[in-house]
Protein backbone atom coordinates (compact mmCIF):
# COMPACT_ATOMS: atom_id res chain seq x y z
CA MET A 1 44.91 93.91 242.84
CA ALA A 2 46.09 96.20 240.48
CA GLN A 3 49.85 96.08 241.62
CA ALA A 4 49.68 92.20 241.47
CA PHE A 5 48.35 92.08 237.99
CA MET A 6 51.56 94.70 237.28
CA LYS A 7 53.79 92.52 238.47
CA VAL A 8 52.51 89.38 236.65
CA GLN A 9 52.68 91.18 232.98
CA LEU A 10 56.16 92.38 234.15
CA LEU A 11 57.08 88.71 234.79
CA LEU A 12 55.50 87.65 231.57
CA LEU A 13 57.63 90.36 229.76
CA LEU A 14 60.81 89.05 231.38
CA ALA A 15 60.21 85.64 230.39
CA THR A 16 59.35 86.46 226.89
CA ALA A 17 62.98 88.44 226.76
CA MET A 18 64.38 85.60 228.00
CA ALA A 19 63.12 83.12 225.98
CA ILE A 20 63.75 85.58 222.39
CA SER A 21 67.36 86.11 224.01
CA CYS A 22 67.72 82.07 224.53
CA SER A 23 66.48 81.24 221.09
CA ASN A 24 69.09 83.62 219.68
CA CYS A 25 71.86 82.04 221.45
CA MET A 26 70.49 78.86 220.41
CA ARG A 27 69.76 79.75 216.60
CA VAL A 28 71.34 77.12 214.09
CA PRO A 29 74.03 78.29 211.94
CA GLU A 30 72.89 78.43 208.41
CA VAL A 31 74.87 78.09 205.30
CA PHE A 32 73.83 79.52 201.51
CA VAL A 33 75.54 77.91 198.62
CA ALA A 34 74.91 78.10 194.91
CA SER A 35 73.62 75.25 193.07
CA GLY A 36 76.69 73.19 191.90
CA SER A 37 79.41 74.72 193.67
CA VAL A 38 81.02 73.29 197.02
CA ALA A 39 79.00 74.11 200.31
CA VAL A 40 81.36 74.14 203.62
CA LEU A 41 79.49 73.20 206.86
CA PRO A 42 81.75 74.17 209.58
CA CYS A 43 82.54 72.40 212.66
CA VAL A 44 85.69 73.96 214.47
CA MET A 45 86.67 72.85 217.85
CA SER A 46 88.39 75.61 219.90
CA SER A 47 90.66 73.38 221.80
CA SER A 48 92.89 70.64 219.85
CA THR A 49 93.23 66.99 221.21
CA LYS A 50 96.58 65.02 221.05
CA HIS A 51 94.80 62.07 219.09
CA SER A 52 92.75 61.91 216.25
CA PRO A 53 89.21 61.70 217.25
CA ALA A 54 86.03 60.17 216.16
CA VAL A 55 84.23 62.48 213.70
CA THR A 56 80.61 61.88 212.44
CA TRP A 57 78.23 64.02 209.84
CA LYS A 58 74.58 62.90 209.69
CA ARG A 59 71.50 64.70 207.91
CA ILE A 60 68.37 65.11 210.02
CA LEU A 61 65.30 64.25 207.74
CA GLU A 62 62.35 65.08 209.87
CA SER A 63 63.09 62.48 212.71
CA GLU A 64 65.12 60.15 210.53
CA GLU A 65 68.92 60.47 210.92
CA ARG A 66 71.41 59.55 207.98
CA THR A 67 75.06 58.84 208.59
CA VAL A 68 76.54 61.34 205.63
CA TRP A 69 80.60 60.77 206.44
CA ARG A 70 82.17 59.16 209.04
CA ARG A 71 85.70 58.43 210.42
CA ASP A 72 86.99 56.70 213.70
CA LYS A 73 90.03 56.81 215.53
CA SER A 74 92.09 54.53 213.77
CA GLY A 75 91.41 56.58 210.55
CA LEU A 76 89.08 54.58 208.74
CA GLU A 77 86.41 56.21 206.68
CA PHE A 78 82.79 55.17 206.08
CA ARG A 79 80.39 56.44 203.06
CA PRO A 80 77.00 55.68 202.42
CA VAL A 81 76.65 52.88 199.91
CA GLY A 82 75.05 53.50 196.89
CA GLN A 83 76.15 57.01 196.92
CA ALA A 84 78.89 58.92 195.00
CA PRO A 85 81.72 60.08 197.22
CA HIS A 86 80.82 63.95 197.02
CA ALA A 87 81.18 64.81 200.66
CA HIS A 88 83.75 64.63 202.70
CA CYS A 89 86.36 66.19 205.51
CA PRO A 90 89.67 66.93 204.42
CA HIS A 91 92.68 65.30 206.79
CA PRO A 92 94.87 68.04 206.96
CA ASN A 93 92.35 70.46 208.75
CA PHE A 94 91.88 67.63 211.61
CA GLY A 95 95.64 69.13 212.92
CA ASN A 96 93.78 72.56 213.66
CA SER A 97 90.68 70.66 215.15
CA ASP A 98 88.86 71.56 211.79
CA TYR A 99 86.10 68.96 211.22
CA SER A 100 84.31 70.97 208.10
CA LEU A 101 82.51 68.76 206.03
CA HIS A 102 82.88 69.62 202.23
CA ILE A 103 79.93 68.87 199.68
CA GLU A 104 81.20 69.40 196.48
CA GLY A 105 78.41 69.85 193.28
CA THR A 106 75.57 70.82 195.92
CA ARG A 107 72.37 70.05 194.52
CA GLU A 108 68.88 71.17 195.61
CA GLU A 109 68.58 67.39 197.34
CA ASP A 110 71.40 68.21 199.62
CA ALA A 111 69.66 71.04 201.05
CA GLY A 112 68.59 70.41 204.82
CA MET A 113 69.90 70.00 208.63
CA TYR A 114 73.45 68.56 209.37
CA ARG A 115 75.15 67.57 212.67
CA CYS A 116 78.33 67.14 213.66
CA GLU A 117 79.32 64.66 216.26
CA VAL A 118 82.70 64.54 217.74
CA GLU A 119 83.54 61.53 219.91
CA GLY A 120 79.86 60.69 220.23
CA GLN A 121 78.94 64.12 221.64
CA ILE A 122 76.82 66.45 219.39
CA PHE A 123 78.56 69.47 218.52
CA ILE A 124 77.15 71.60 216.24
CA ASN A 125 73.97 71.62 214.13
CA VAL A 126 74.05 73.54 210.74
CA MET A 127 71.38 74.69 208.04
CA LEU A 128 71.99 74.28 204.53
CA HIS A 129 70.19 76.45 201.97
CA VAL A 130 71.00 75.87 198.18
CA ILE A 131 70.12 78.44 195.84
CA LYS A 132 69.43 78.33 192.47
CA VAL A 133 69.08 80.45 189.29
CA SER A 134 66.88 79.48 186.29
CA TYR A 135 65.30 81.50 183.51
CA SER A 136 62.31 80.82 181.08
CA PRO A 137 62.13 80.21 177.85
CA ALA A 138 65.43 78.06 177.68
CA GLU A 139 66.47 79.87 174.20
CA VAL A 140 66.07 83.51 174.19
CA PHE A 141 65.61 85.98 171.32
CA GLU A 142 65.60 89.52 170.83
CA GLY A 143 62.03 90.82 171.85
CA ASP A 144 61.28 87.81 174.04
CA GLN A 145 59.43 88.01 177.35
CA LEU A 146 62.08 86.52 179.95
CA THR A 147 61.54 85.70 183.63
CA LEU A 148 64.20 85.13 185.68
CA SER A 149 63.83 82.82 188.53
CA CYS A 150 65.41 82.63 192.48
CA SER A 151 64.55 79.67 194.32
CA VAL A 152 65.94 78.59 197.91
CA THR A 153 65.99 75.43 199.39
CA PRO A 154 64.58 75.43 202.05
CA GLN A 155 62.81 78.38 202.63
CA PRO A 156 64.99 80.54 205.18
CA VAL A 157 62.16 82.13 207.80
CA VAL A 158 63.99 85.79 207.58
CA MET A 159 65.94 86.60 204.52
CA THR A 160 66.53 89.33 202.15
CA ARG A 161 66.67 88.79 198.21
CA LYS A 162 68.17 91.21 195.58
CA TRP A 163 69.31 91.08 192.00
CA GLU A 164 72.42 92.20 190.05
CA LEU A 165 73.40 92.12 186.25
CA ASN A 166 76.94 91.96 185.57
CA GLY A 167 77.82 93.07 189.36
CA SER A 168 75.42 96.49 189.18
CA PRO A 169 72.33 96.04 191.07
CA ILE A 170 68.78 95.83 189.50
CA THR A 171 66.47 96.37 192.10
CA SER A 172 66.36 97.02 195.74
CA TYR A 173 63.25 94.69 196.55
CA SER A 174 64.01 92.34 198.85
CA SER A 175 60.46 89.78 198.15
CA ILE A 176 60.92 89.63 194.42
CA GLN A 177 61.49 85.49 193.88
CA THR A 178 61.13 86.26 189.95
CA TYR A 179 62.13 89.09 187.81
CA THR A 180 60.33 89.85 184.53
CA ILE A 181 61.54 91.57 181.43
CA ASN A 182 58.90 92.28 178.80
CA LYS A 183 60.90 92.47 175.78
CA VAL A 184 64.54 91.47 176.29
CA SER A 185 67.27 93.21 174.41
CA GLN A 186 71.58 92.54 174.11
CA LYS A 187 71.60 94.92 177.22
CA ASP A 188 69.81 92.40 179.41
CA ALA A 189 72.29 89.61 178.48
CA GLY A 190 75.04 88.66 180.66
CA THR A 191 75.56 87.38 184.35
CA TRP A 192 72.55 87.40 186.35
CA SER A 193 72.94 86.94 190.09
CA CYS A 194 70.76 86.53 193.03
CA LEU A 195 72.11 87.64 196.59
CA ILE A 196 70.65 85.74 199.43
CA GLY A 197 71.24 86.66 203.30
CA ASN A 198 70.17 87.44 206.84
CA LYS A 199 72.21 88.92 209.45
CA GLN A 200 73.86 85.90 209.86
CA THR A 201 75.58 85.03 206.59
CA ASN A 202 74.78 85.61 202.81
CA GLY A 203 75.13 83.69 199.33
CA LYS A 204 74.88 84.38 196.14
CA ALA A 205 74.10 82.26 192.82
CA SER A 206 74.47 83.26 189.13
CA THR A 207 73.55 82.41 185.62
CA SER A 208 74.73 83.18 182.37
CA LEU A 209 72.31 84.83 179.71
CA GLN A 210 72.79 84.77 176.26
CA VAL A 211 70.34 86.47 173.92
CA LYS A 212 70.11 85.41 170.55
CA GLY A 213 70.33 88.05 167.71
CA ILE A 214 72.36 91.00 166.65
CA LEU A 215 75.36 90.97 169.23
CA VAL A 216 77.00 94.43 168.21
CA PRO A 217 75.99 96.92 168.18
CA ARG A 218 73.82 96.23 171.75
CA ASP A 219 71.64 99.25 171.07
CA ASN A 220 69.32 99.87 168.21
CA LEU A 221 70.58 103.40 167.71
CA GLU A 222 74.34 103.45 167.59
CA VAL A 223 76.16 106.52 166.35
CA VAL A 224 79.26 106.27 164.71
CA TYR A 225 81.65 109.11 163.75
CA ALA A 226 83.97 109.52 161.15
CA GLU A 227 86.24 112.15 159.21
CA LEU A 228 85.43 113.28 155.70
CA HIS A 229 87.63 111.18 153.50
CA SER A 230 88.83 108.79 155.87
CA SER A 231 87.52 104.83 156.29
CA VAL A 232 84.80 103.72 158.85
CA THR A 233 83.37 100.67 159.80
CA LEU A 234 79.48 100.19 160.68
CA PRO A 235 79.47 97.12 162.92
CA CYS A 236 76.78 94.73 162.38
CA ILE A 237 77.55 91.06 164.14
CA PHE A 238 75.14 88.42 164.59
CA SER A 239 74.94 85.35 166.63
CA SER A 240 76.05 81.78 165.74
CA GLU A 241 72.35 81.25 164.97
CA PHE A 242 72.02 83.54 161.84
CA LEU A 243 70.70 82.19 158.86
CA MET A 244 73.04 83.04 155.83
CA ASN A 245 71.80 85.06 152.88
CA SER A 246 69.19 86.80 154.96
CA SER A 247 71.24 89.75 155.90
CA SER A 248 70.77 93.31 154.33
CA TRP A 249 71.86 96.67 154.42
CA LYS A 250 69.64 99.62 153.47
CA LYS A 251 70.38 103.56 153.77
CA VAL A 252 66.89 105.38 155.33
CA SER A 253 65.95 108.23 153.10
CA LYS A 254 65.26 111.87 155.06
CA THR A 255 62.33 112.40 152.69
CA SER A 256 60.48 109.36 151.66
CA ASN A 257 59.67 105.68 152.98
CA LEU A 258 61.95 104.21 150.31
CA PRO A 259 65.50 103.28 150.79
CA ALA A 260 68.21 105.75 149.77
CA MET A 261 71.20 104.97 147.45
CA LEU A 262 74.13 103.62 149.53
CA PRO A 263 77.52 105.28 148.73
CA SER A 264 79.79 104.32 146.44
CA PHE A 265 82.68 103.01 148.70
CA PHE A 266 79.80 100.91 150.84
CA ASN A 267 81.29 97.56 150.83
CA ILE A 268 79.91 94.62 153.19
CA SER A 269 81.80 91.63 154.79
CA SER A 270 81.10 88.42 155.28
CA LYS A 271 83.98 86.65 157.69
CA PRO A 272 82.83 84.84 160.53
CA GLY A 273 84.64 85.74 163.89
CA VAL A 274 85.14 84.01 167.31
CA SER A 275 83.42 85.70 170.38
CA ARG A 276 84.83 85.76 174.11
CA CYS A 277 82.10 82.82 174.50
CA SER A 278 84.14 80.63 172.05
CA SER A 279 80.91 80.51 169.54
CA VAL A 280 81.01 81.61 166.11
CA GLN A 281 79.55 84.64 164.98
CA VAL A 282 78.67 86.36 161.50
CA ASP A 283 80.18 89.52 160.86
CA ARG A 284 77.99 91.44 158.30
CA SER A 285 79.58 94.49 158.84
CA ALA A 286 79.58 96.96 156.82
CA TYR A 287 82.85 99.15 155.27
CA ILE A 288 83.39 102.64 153.71
CA GLU A 289 86.52 103.19 152.09
CA SER A 290 86.50 106.81 151.85
CA VAL A 291 83.57 108.70 153.88
CA GLN A 292 82.23 111.49 151.17
CA ASP A 293 79.84 114.68 152.14
CA GLY A 294 76.52 113.48 151.56
CA ASP A 295 77.13 109.63 153.14
CA GLU A 296 75.99 110.94 156.54
CA GLY A 297 72.50 109.60 157.79
CA THR A 298 70.85 106.23 159.02
CA TYR A 299 71.66 102.86 157.78
CA ARG A 300 69.73 99.66 158.89
CA CYS A 301 71.07 96.18 159.29
CA SER A 302 68.85 93.34 159.19
CA GLY A 303 68.63 89.58 159.24
CA GLN A 304 67.23 86.63 160.76
CA VAL A 305 68.46 84.11 163.54
CA LYS A 306 66.99 80.58 163.87
CA GLY A 307 66.89 78.43 166.98
CA GLU A 308 66.98 74.97 167.79
CA ASN A 309 63.34 74.30 167.80
CA GLY A 310 63.10 75.91 164.03
CA LYS A 311 61.78 79.30 165.44
CA ARG A 312 62.69 82.27 163.27
CA VAL A 313 63.46 85.50 164.13
CA LYS A 314 64.05 89.19 162.28
CA VAL A 315 66.10 91.15 164.00
CA GLU A 316 67.54 94.96 163.02
CA ARG A 317 69.53 97.53 163.87
CA SER A 318 69.94 101.43 162.95
CA ILE A 319 73.34 102.83 162.77
CA GLN A 320 73.68 106.80 162.21
CA LEU A 321 76.67 107.68 160.55
CA VAL A 322 77.95 111.52 161.51
CA THR A 323 80.39 112.93 159.29
CA ALA A 324 82.89 115.53 160.79
CA GLN A 325 85.31 117.88 159.19
CA VAL A 326 87.47 121.31 159.99
CA LEU A 327 86.55 124.12 157.83
CA SER A 328 89.28 127.51 157.42
CA SER A 329 88.61 130.85 156.72
CA TYR A 330 90.43 133.96 156.34
CA ARG A 331 89.21 137.51 157.37
CA ASN A 332 91.36 140.74 158.16
CA GLY A 333 94.26 138.65 157.95
CA LYS A 334 93.37 136.51 160.53
CA MET A 335 92.49 132.65 159.81
CA THR A 336 89.78 130.88 161.92
CA LEU A 337 88.93 127.13 162.26
CA THR A 338 85.35 125.84 162.35
CA CYS A 339 85.04 121.74 163.20
CA ARG A 340 81.57 121.20 161.44
CA ILE A 341 79.66 118.27 162.47
CA SER A 342 76.82 116.89 160.55
CA ASP A 343 74.88 116.21 163.59
CA THR A 344 75.51 118.08 166.94
CA SER A 345 72.43 116.79 169.04
CA GLN A 346 74.81 114.34 171.29
CA VAL A 347 77.83 117.12 171.36
CA THR A 348 78.33 119.35 174.61
CA SER A 349 82.01 120.61 173.99
CA TYR A 350 85.03 121.09 172.05
CA GLU A 351 88.52 121.03 172.49
CA TRP A 352 91.20 122.39 169.91
CA ILE A 353 94.49 120.72 170.30
CA HIS A 354 97.71 121.67 168.63
CA VAL A 355 100.27 119.28 167.30
CA GLU A 356 103.73 120.58 166.88
CA TYR A 357 106.35 118.38 165.09
CA GLY A 358 110.02 118.32 166.19
CA VAL A 359 113.43 115.91 165.67
CA ASN A 360 112.58 112.20 165.20
CA ASP A 361 109.01 112.78 164.67
CA THR A 362 108.32 113.72 168.09
CA GLN A 363 105.32 115.20 168.82
CA THR A 364 103.88 117.75 171.42
CA PHE A 365 100.47 118.15 172.20
CA THR A 366 98.72 121.58 173.58
CA SER A 367 95.57 122.03 174.51
CA VAL A 368 94.27 125.90 173.24
CA GLN A 369 90.67 125.99 174.09
CA LYS A 370 88.03 124.03 175.66
CA THR A 371 84.51 125.35 175.53
CA THR A 372 81.18 124.70 174.10
CA SER A 373 82.55 126.64 171.11
CA LYS A 374 82.95 124.74 167.75
CA VAL A 375 85.06 128.11 166.15
CA LEU A 376 88.72 128.65 167.17
CA SER A 377 90.59 131.84 166.01
CA VAL A 378 94.29 130.61 165.28
CA PRO A 379 96.62 132.28 167.20
CA LYS A 380 99.60 134.04 164.77
CA GLU A 381 102.43 131.98 166.30
CA LYS A 382 100.71 128.99 165.87
CA HIS A 383 99.66 129.14 161.95
CA LEU A 384 102.09 126.23 161.38
CA GLY A 385 101.53 122.32 162.25
CA GLU A 386 98.46 120.61 162.92
CA TRP A 387 95.21 120.96 164.77
CA VAL A 388 93.22 118.52 166.11
CA CYS A 389 89.30 119.02 167.02
CA ARG A 390 88.23 116.68 169.57
CA PHE A 391 84.29 116.70 170.41
CA PHE A 392 82.51 115.27 173.72
CA ASN A 393 79.28 114.39 175.44
CA GLN A 394 78.78 114.55 178.83
CA GLN A 395 80.40 111.33 179.98
CA GLN A 396 83.17 110.65 176.90
CA LEU A 397 84.90 111.67 173.81
CA LEU A 398 82.73 111.06 170.65
CA GLY A 399 85.63 111.96 168.16
CA ASN A 400 88.44 114.01 166.64
CA VAL A 401 89.07 115.19 163.39
CA THR A 402 92.10 117.03 161.80
CA TYR A 403 93.22 119.59 160.03
CA HIS A 404 96.75 120.28 158.59
CA LEU A 405 98.01 123.86 158.36
CA GLN A 406 101.62 123.02 157.38
CA MET A 407 100.52 121.13 154.46
CA MET A 408 98.06 123.29 153.30
CA SER A 409 100.52 126.20 153.48
CA GLY A 410 103.37 124.01 151.35
CA LEU A 411 100.27 123.85 148.77
CA GLU A 412 99.78 127.67 148.61
CA GLY A 413 103.47 128.01 148.33
CA GLN A 414 103.29 125.44 145.18
CA GLN A 415 100.31 127.14 143.75
CA LYS A 416 102.23 130.79 144.11
CA SER A 417 105.43 129.17 142.60
CA THR A 418 103.19 127.63 139.94
CA SER A 419 101.80 130.77 139.19
CA GLY A 420 105.19 132.68 138.55
CA ASN A 421 106.47 130.24 136.19
CA LYS A 422 103.06 130.48 134.07
CA ALA A 423 103.73 134.41 133.82
CA ALA A 424 107.36 133.92 132.88
CA MET A 425 106.78 130.83 130.19
CA THR A 426 103.88 133.27 128.98
CA ILE A 427 106.53 136.17 128.54
CA GLY A 428 109.06 134.05 127.07
CA LEU A 429 106.31 132.44 124.52
CA CYS A 430 105.12 136.10 123.25
CA PHE A 431 108.79 137.20 122.86
CA LEU A 432 109.32 134.15 120.38
CA PHE A 433 106.54 134.49 118.71
CA LEU A 434 107.44 138.05 118.02
CA LEU A 435 110.93 136.95 117.18
CA LEU A 436 109.46 134.38 114.45
CA VAL A 437 106.71 137.04 113.03
CA LEU A 438 109.64 139.77 111.99
CA ILE A 439 111.96 136.62 110.72
CA MET A 440 109.16 135.91 108.53
CA LEU A 441 108.41 139.59 107.36
CA GLN A 442 112.34 140.02 106.47
CA LEU A 443 111.88 136.70 104.07
CA TYR A 444 108.99 138.15 102.80
CA LYS A 445 110.40 141.07 102.09
CA ASN A 446 113.59 139.63 100.46
CA HIS A 447 111.35 137.20 98.46
CA ARG A 448 109.19 139.96 96.89
CA ARG A 449 112.27 142.19 96.06
CA ARG A 450 113.78 138.87 94.18
CA LYS A 451 110.30 138.71 92.43
CA MET A 452 110.07 142.60 91.26
CA ILE A 453 114.13 141.92 90.03
CA LEU A 454 113.10 138.77 87.57
CA GLN A 455 110.60 140.84 86.05
CA TYR A 456 113.29 142.64 84.19
CA PRO A 457 116.12 140.46 82.86
CA ALA A 458 117.95 143.59 81.41
CA MET A 459 117.74 145.69 84.62
CA GLU A 460 119.64 142.38 86.04
CA THR A 461 122.33 142.31 83.71
CA ILE A 462 123.11 146.35 84.10
CA VAL A 463 122.94 145.69 87.97
CA HIS A 464 125.18 142.62 87.79
CA LEU A 465 127.81 144.55 85.59
CA ALA A 466 127.73 147.58 87.68
CA ALA A 467 128.53 145.65 90.63
CA ASN A 468 131.36 143.66 88.83
CA GLU A 469 132.75 146.92 87.48
CA ARG A 470 132.78 148.57 90.87
CA GLU A 471 134.36 145.54 92.64
CA PHE A 472 137.03 145.84 90.04
CA LYS A 473 137.83 149.37 90.44
CA GLU A 474 138.08 148.73 94.09
CA ARG A 475 140.83 146.02 93.60
CA PHE A 476 142.53 148.25 91.17
CA LYS A 477 142.76 151.21 93.84
CA VAL A 478 144.35 148.72 96.39
CA ARG A 479 146.72 147.34 93.78
CA GLU A 480 147.60 150.78 92.71
CA LYS A 481 148.57 152.10 96.34
CA THR A 482 150.57 148.98 96.90
CA GLN A 483 152.98 149.64 93.86
CA ASN A 484 152.91 153.32 94.78
CA GLY A 485 154.36 152.80 98.21
CA ALA A 486 156.81 150.13 96.97
CA CYS A 487 158.44 152.76 94.73
CA GLY A 488 158.68 155.30 97.56
CA GLU A 489 160.71 153.22 99.26
CA ASP A 490 163.15 152.54 96.37
CA GLN A 491 164.02 156.09 95.43
CA LYS A 492 165.04 156.84 99.02
CA SER A 493 167.42 153.89 98.76
CA VAL A 494 168.92 155.17 95.70
CA SER A 495 169.64 158.74 96.74
CA VAL A 496 171.48 157.76 100.03
């Protein structure tokens, strides 16, 4: 009795397995297509025919069959009356025995079972599933609650469902028909895709989500690095729904709740721009012409955007400005460079690059040091040229700052030559001053002597007569000597 019971169970198991395998063999092909796209329902024969056969595509609605597209052997095509011709079979494919049905602009009401008949014989049944992705509310602002929905018509018996944002998977759960974001931000904007599939095939539908508010920057706390005495832009670009004259820039104080004073070179732009989506944007970015020491800190850009239903939402962004510069110092004849950054919370490593300039303005870049240290001891053979300090985080380059050694050396030489010229000029001026003093002293002496003589007129006459007499005597002596010499020559000539 027990053996007979075991045989019955074994037969039931075999029958069940055969039924499952048979159902798998007779499983209807499924096609998943996004709403609004082109659906291709396959109907391809393995053997080609010499003549063009009659082909009919029908849609099965419960127990009713409706002809969607038909073509007889003569080549005449028949379509249902009163319907737009968005379903057809391309004629060029008939030569390859391909009678697949193409449905353009697929709608949810187009979903269901379709049948392909060739020469009056049922060739294949195909199930068309239409995927549609939607979200609510229809107008999305920053901070709103967003609900994404992925519907499949008709619902497959077995399927998997996954979400993607701009090609990156969001979640691995397979049963989430709706995906909810409690507080939406610009990071959630982009292309949302719902992937539907089973062991046979798969499909995908997508929708584009635009979040109204501040488009750039997308993060609430953006960090901008700038070198001292250079220019920098603090971005703040609103969507097209921005209300003019509602934006403002403030610098957050580190010590109080009151706003700090904006830099002297702080300017606000008011130029509209054109986005990649061909919608007008409003640029309210701030521009600092020359970053000074003390300009570092947190700046806040705020404004209002207005929706189609009159809804107004205030949005804001905080942008942190971090300044950088290279400081030099000399100790024991060695030069040391330090990469000074006002906020190093995101910096993980530094790289020092030496730049040499050659002929035709060629540049040679040499990486000298790449460590976590911000200090560099400059080698003696690399005292000239230019040094660049680059700083990184774990993923990317954050910024760089330049130090011109060649320029600084030239300035030092110029200062030395200027100091030498100043010393020579000082010595010359001192010598000229002494000469003027001596001349003035001599003039003073002459003036005093003349003044003393004028006090005694008789003495002046005596001195004048004595001078004239002395001059007369000297002239007489010269004349007498001349005459004596002439007489001597005459006596010699007479004696001969």
